[in-house]
Amino acid sequence: MRSLNRLKWLHAFEATARHGSFTGAAQELGVTPAAVGQLVRSLEDWVGHP
């Protein structure tokens, strides 16, 4: 299950980088901008960098 979470984190990060915003990434992923922010924050916590 942890591997799936990490893939979600990476997917959210990649979409955010391409769109330049949580809003654009959220529209693509079908979630709220807050959810994208939370996924990216989880990735940052996991790698140890903000």
PDB file of N, CA and C in Angstrom:
ATOM      1  N   MET A   1       0.822  -1.198   0.000  1.00  0.00           N
ATOM      2  CA  MET A   1       0.000   0.000   0.000  1.00  0.00           C
ATOM      3  C   MET A   1       0.865   1.260   0.000  1.00  0.00           C
ATOM      4  N   ARG A   2       1.987   1.224   0.682  1.00  0.00           N
ATOM      5  CA  ARG A   2       2.857   2.402   0.731  1.00  0.00           C
ATOM      6  C   ARG A   2       3.364   2.783  -0.648  1.00  0.00           C
ATOM      7  N   SER A   3       3.642   1.800  -1.474  1.00  0.00           N
ATOM      8  CA  SER A   3       4.126   2.087  -2.827  1.00  0.00           C
ATOM      9  C   SER A   3       3.080   2.837  -3.629  1.00  0.00           C
ATOM     10  N   LEU A   4       1.809   2.478  -3.453  1.00  0.00           N
ATOM     11  CA  LEU A   4       0.739   3.178  -4.163  1.00  0.00           C
ATOM     12  C   LEU A   4       0.647   4.627  -3.710  1.00  0.00           C
ATOM     13  N   ASN A   5       0.817   4.862  -2.408  1.00  0.00           N
ATOM     14  CA  ASN A   5       0.801   6.234  -1.902  1.00  0.00           C
ATOM     15  C   ASN A   5       1.936   7.043  -2.521  1.00  0.00           C
ATOM     16  N   ARG A   6       3.106   6.455  -2.593  1.00  0.00           N
ATOM     17  CA  ARG A   6       4.250   7.169  -3.167  1.00  0.00           C
ATOM     18  C   ARG A   6       4.011   7.491  -4.630  1.00  0.00           C
ATOM     19  N   LEU A   7       3.375   6.587  -5.352  1.00  0.00           N
ATOM     20  CA  LEU A   7       3.054   6.870  -6.755  1.00  0.00           C
ATOM     21  C   LEU A   7       2.066   8.025  -6.863  1.00  0.00           C
ATOM     22  N   LYS A   8       1.088   8.072  -5.970  1.00  0.00           N
ATOM     23  CA  LYS A   8       0.134   9.191  -5.949  1.00  0.00           C
ATOM     24  C   LYS A   8       0.866  10.500  -5.670  1.00  0.00           C
ATOM     25  N   TRP A   9       1.808  10.455  -4.720  1.00  0.00           N
ATOM     26  CA  TRP A   9       2.578  11.659  -4.390  1.00  0.00           C
ATOM     27  C   TRP A   9       3.347  12.146  -5.608  1.00  0.00           C
ATOM     28  N   LEU A  10       4.025  11.225  -6.274  1.00  0.00           N
ATOM     29  CA  LEU A  10       4.825  11.589  -7.447  1.00  0.00           C
ATOM     30  C   LEU A  10       3.955  12.089  -8.590  1.00  0.00           C
ATOM     31  N   HIS A  11       2.817  11.460  -8.783  1.00  0.00           N
ATOM     32  CA  HIS A  11       1.905  11.883  -9.841  1.00  0.00           C
ATOM     33  C   HIS A  11       1.410  13.306  -9.574  1.00  0.00           C
ATOM     34  N   ALA A  12       1.051  13.592  -8.333  1.00  0.00           N
ATOM     35  CA  ALA A  12       0.601  14.936  -7.972  1.00  0.00           C
ATOM     36  C   ALA A  12       1.721  15.952  -8.157  1.00  0.00           C
ATOM     37  N   PHE A  13       2.935  15.594  -7.759  1.00  0.00           N
ATOM     38  CA  PHE A  13       4.080  16.489  -7.918  1.00  0.00           C
ATOM     39  C   PHE A  13       4.343  16.778  -9.392  1.00  0.00           C
ATOM     40  N   GLU A  14       4.325  15.729 -10.208  1.00  0.00           N
ATOM     41  CA  GLU A  14       4.594  15.882 -11.638  1.00  0.00           C
ATOM     42  C   GLU A  14       3.526  16.751 -12.301  1.00  0.00           C
ATOM     43  N   ALA A  15       2.268  16.526 -11.966  1.00  0.00           N
ATOM     44  CA  ALA A  15       1.180  17.326 -12.537  1.00  0.00           C
ATOM     45  C   ALA A  15       1.300  18.785 -12.093  1.00  0.00           C
ATOM     46  N   THR A  16       1.673  19.006 -10.843  1.00  0.00           N
ATOM     47  CA  THR A  16       1.852  20.369 -10.338  1.00  0.00           C
ATOM     48  C   THR A  16       2.987  21.067 -11.075  1.00  0.00           C
ATOM     49  N   ALA A  17       4.071  20.358 -11.301  1.00  0.00           N
ATOM     50  CA  ALA A  17       5.207  20.946 -12.020  1.00  0.00           C
ATOM     51  C   ALA A  17       4.818  21.308 -13.452  1.00  0.00           C
ATOM     52  N   ARG A  18       4.071  20.444 -14.117  1.00  0.00           N
ATOM     53  CA  ARG A  18       3.673  20.729 -15.501  1.00  0.00           C
ATOM     54  C   ARG A  18       2.711  21.895 -15.590  1.00  0.00           C
ATOM     55  N   HIS A  19       1.760  21.952 -14.670  1.00  0.00           N
ATOM     56  CA  HIS A  19       0.737  23.002 -14.709  1.00  0.00           C
ATOM     57  C   HIS A  19       1.184  24.283 -14.013  1.00  0.00           C
ATOM     58  N   GLY A  20       2.163  24.172 -13.140  1.00  0.00           N
ATOM     59  CA  GLY A  20       2.639  25.341 -12.415  1.00  0.00           C
ATOM     60  C   GLY A  20       1.742  25.768 -11.271  1.00  0.00           C
ATOM     61  N   SER A  21       0.753  24.936 -10.944  1.00  0.00           N
ATOM     62  CA  SER A  21      -0.146  25.275  -9.837  1.00  0.00           C
ATOM     63  C   SER A  21      -0.866  24.033  -9.335  1.00  0.00           C
ATOM     64  N   PHE A  22      -1.301  24.121  -8.081  1.00  0.00           N
ATOM     65  CA  PHE A  22      -2.106  23.038  -7.528  1.00  0.00           C
ATOM     66  C   PHE A  22      -3.466  22.986  -8.221  1.00  0.00           C
ATOM     67  N   THR A  23      -3.976  24.143  -8.619  1.00  0.00           N
ATOM     68  CA  THR A  23      -5.290  24.192  -9.258  1.00  0.00           C
ATOM     69  C   THR A  23      -5.295  23.437 -10.578  1.00  0.00           C
ATOM     70  N   GLY A  24      -4.309  23.692 -11.416  1.00  0.00           N
ATOM     71  CA  GLY A  24      -4.222  22.986 -12.695  1.00  0.00           C
ATOM     72  C   GLY A  24      -4.029  21.494 -12.505  1.00  0.00           C
ATOM     73  N   ALA A  25      -3.182  21.138 -11.557  1.00  0.00           N
ATOM     74  CA  ALA A  25      -2.954  19.723 -11.271  1.00  0.00           C
ATOM     75  C   ALA A  25      -4.235  19.070 -10.757  1.00  0.00           C
ATOM     76  N   ALA A  26      -4.953  19.778  -9.904  1.00  0.00           N
ATOM     77  CA  ALA A  26      -6.194  19.240  -9.345  1.00  0.00           C
ATOM     78  C   ALA A  26      -7.228  18.984 -10.434  1.00  0.00           C
ATOM     79  N   GLN A  27      -7.336  19.904 -11.379  1.00  0.00           N
ATOM     80  CA  GLN A  27      -8.285  19.714 -12.477  1.00  0.00           C
ATOM     81  C   GLN A  27      -7.936  18.467 -13.277  1.00  0.00           C
ATOM     82  N   GLU A  28      -6.663  18.275 -13.542  1.00  0.00           N
ATOM     83  CA  GLU A  28      -6.225  17.092 -14.290  1.00  0.00           C
ATOM     84  C   GLU A  28      -6.482  15.806 -13.508  1.00  0.00           C
ATOM     85  N   LEU A  29      -6.198  15.834 -12.216  1.00  0.00           N
ATOM     86  CA  LEU A  29      -6.288  14.628 -11.396  1.00  0.00           C
ATOM     87  C   LEU A  29      -7.694  14.356 -10.871  1.00  0.00           C
ATOM     88  N   GLY A  30      -8.583  15.334 -11.002  1.00  0.00           N
ATOM     89  CA  GLY A  30      -9.955  15.154 -10.542  1.00  0.00           C
ATOM     90  C   GLY A  30     -10.112  15.209  -9.034  1.00  0.00           C
ATOM     91  N   VAL A  31      -9.276  16.032  -8.401  1.00  0.00           N
ATOM     92  CA  VAL A  31      -9.342  16.218  -6.951  1.00  0.00           C
ATOM     93  C   VAL A  31      -9.306  17.714  -6.662  1.00  0.00           C
ATOM     94  N   THR A  32      -9.368  18.088  -5.397  1.00  0.00           N
ATOM     95  CA  THR A  32      -9.306  19.500  -5.032  1.00  0.00           C
ATOM     96  C   THR A  32      -7.852  19.973  -4.974  1.00  0.00           C
ATOM     97  N   PRO A  33      -7.637  21.282  -5.123  1.00  0.00           N
ATOM     98  CA  PRO A  33      -6.281  21.807  -4.962  1.00  0.00           C
ATOM     99  C   PRO A  33      -5.703  21.488  -3.580  1.00  0.00           C
ATOM    100  N   ALA A  34      -6.539  21.495  -2.560  1.00  0.00           N
ATOM    101  CA  ALA A  34      -6.066  21.158  -1.212  1.00  0.00           C
ATOM    102  C   ALA A  34      -5.557  19.720  -1.153  1.00  0.00           C
ATOM    103  N   ALA A  35      -6.228  18.819  -1.853  1.00  0.00           N
ATOM    104  CA  ALA A  35      -5.789  17.417  -1.882  1.00  0.00           C
ATOM    105  C   ALA A  35      -4.437  17.293  -2.571  1.00  0.00           C
ATOM    106  N   VAL A  36      -4.244  18.053  -3.649  1.00  0.00           N
ATOM    107  CA  VAL A  36      -2.950  18.033  -4.345  1.00  0.00           C
ATOM    108  C   VAL A  36      -1.868  18.566  -3.414  1.00  0.00           C
ATOM    109  N   GLY A  37      -2.158  19.659  -2.728  1.00  0.00           N
ATOM    110  CA  GLY A  37      -1.197  20.218  -1.780  1.00  0.00           C
ATOM    111  C   GLY A  37      -0.821  19.229  -0.699  1.00  0.00           C
ATOM    112  N   GLN A  38      -1.799  18.489  -0.231  1.00  0.00           N
ATOM    113  CA  GLN A  38      -1.546  17.492   0.807  1.00  0.00           C
ATOM    114  C   GLN A  38      -0.665  16.361   0.270  1.00  0.00           C
ATOM    115  N   LEU A  39      -0.911  15.932  -0.968  1.00  0.00           N
ATOM    116  CA  LEU A  39      -0.087  14.881  -1.574  1.00  0.00           C
ATOM    117  C   LEU A  39       1.354  15.351  -1.746  1.00  0.00           C
ATOM    118  N   VAL A  40       1.516  16.579  -2.226  1.00  0.00           N
ATOM    119  CA  VAL A  40       2.864  17.121  -2.415  1.00  0.00           C
ATOM    120  C   VAL A  40       3.559  17.282  -1.063  1.00  0.00           C
ATOM    121  N   ARG A  41       2.827  17.724  -0.070  1.00  0.00           N
ATOM    122  CA  ARG A  41       3.389  17.869   1.278  1.00  0.00           C
ATOM    123  C   ARG A  41       3.847  16.511   1.820  1.00  0.00           C
ATOM    124  N   SER A  42       3.077  15.475   1.564  1.00  0.00           N
ATOM    125  CA  SER A  42       3.466  14.125   1.996  1.00  0.00           C
ATOM    126  C   SER A  42       4.756  13.689   1.317  1.00  0.00           C
ATOM    127  N   LEU A  43       4.888  14.009   0.038  1.00  0.00           N
ATOM    128  CA  LEU A  43       6.119  13.687  -0.686  1.00  0.00           C
ATOM    129  C   LEU A  43       7.299  14.441  -0.082  1.00  0.00           C
ATOM    130  N   GLU A  44       7.101  15.726   0.211  1.00  0.00           N
ATOM    131  CA  GLU A  44       8.164  16.525   0.823  1.00  0.00           C
ATOM    132  C   GLU A  44       8.587  15.944   2.172  1.00  0.00           C
ATOM    133  N   ASP A  45       7.619  15.534   2.961  1.00  0.00           N
ATOM    134  CA  ASP A  45       7.935  14.924   4.262  1.00  0.00           C
ATOM    135  C   ASP A  45       8.721  13.633   4.081  1.00  0.00           C
ATOM    136  N   TRP A  46       8.338  12.836   3.098  1.00  0.00           N
ATOM    137  CA  TRP A  46       8.986  11.549   2.866  1.00  0.00           C
ATOM    138  C   TRP A  46      10.441  11.725   2.438  1.00  0.00           C
ATOM    139  N   VAL A  47      10.700  12.711   1.544  1.00  0.00           N
ATOM    140  CA  VAL A  47      12.076  12.916   1.080  1.00  0.00           C
ATOM    141  C   VAL A  47      12.876  13.805   2.030  1.00  0.00           C
ATOM    142  N   GLY A  48      12.179  14.504   2.930  1.00  0.00           N
ATOM    143  CA  GLY A  48      12.864  15.317   3.920  1.00  0.00           C
ATOM    144  C   GLY A  48      13.188  16.729   3.480  1.00  0.00           C
ATOM    145  N   HIS A  49      12.511  17.220   2.446  1.00  0.00           N
ATOM    146  CA  HIS A  49      12.736  18.586   1.966  1.00  0.00           C
ATOM    147  C   HIS A  49      11.417  19.269   1.676  1.00  0.00           C
ATOM    148  N   PRO A  50      11.304  20.547   2.058  1.00  0.00           N
ATOM    149  CA  PRO A  50      10.101  21.311   1.699  1.00  0.00           C
ATOM    150  C   PRO A  50      10.168  21.808   0.266  1.00  0.00           C
TER     151      PRO A  50
END
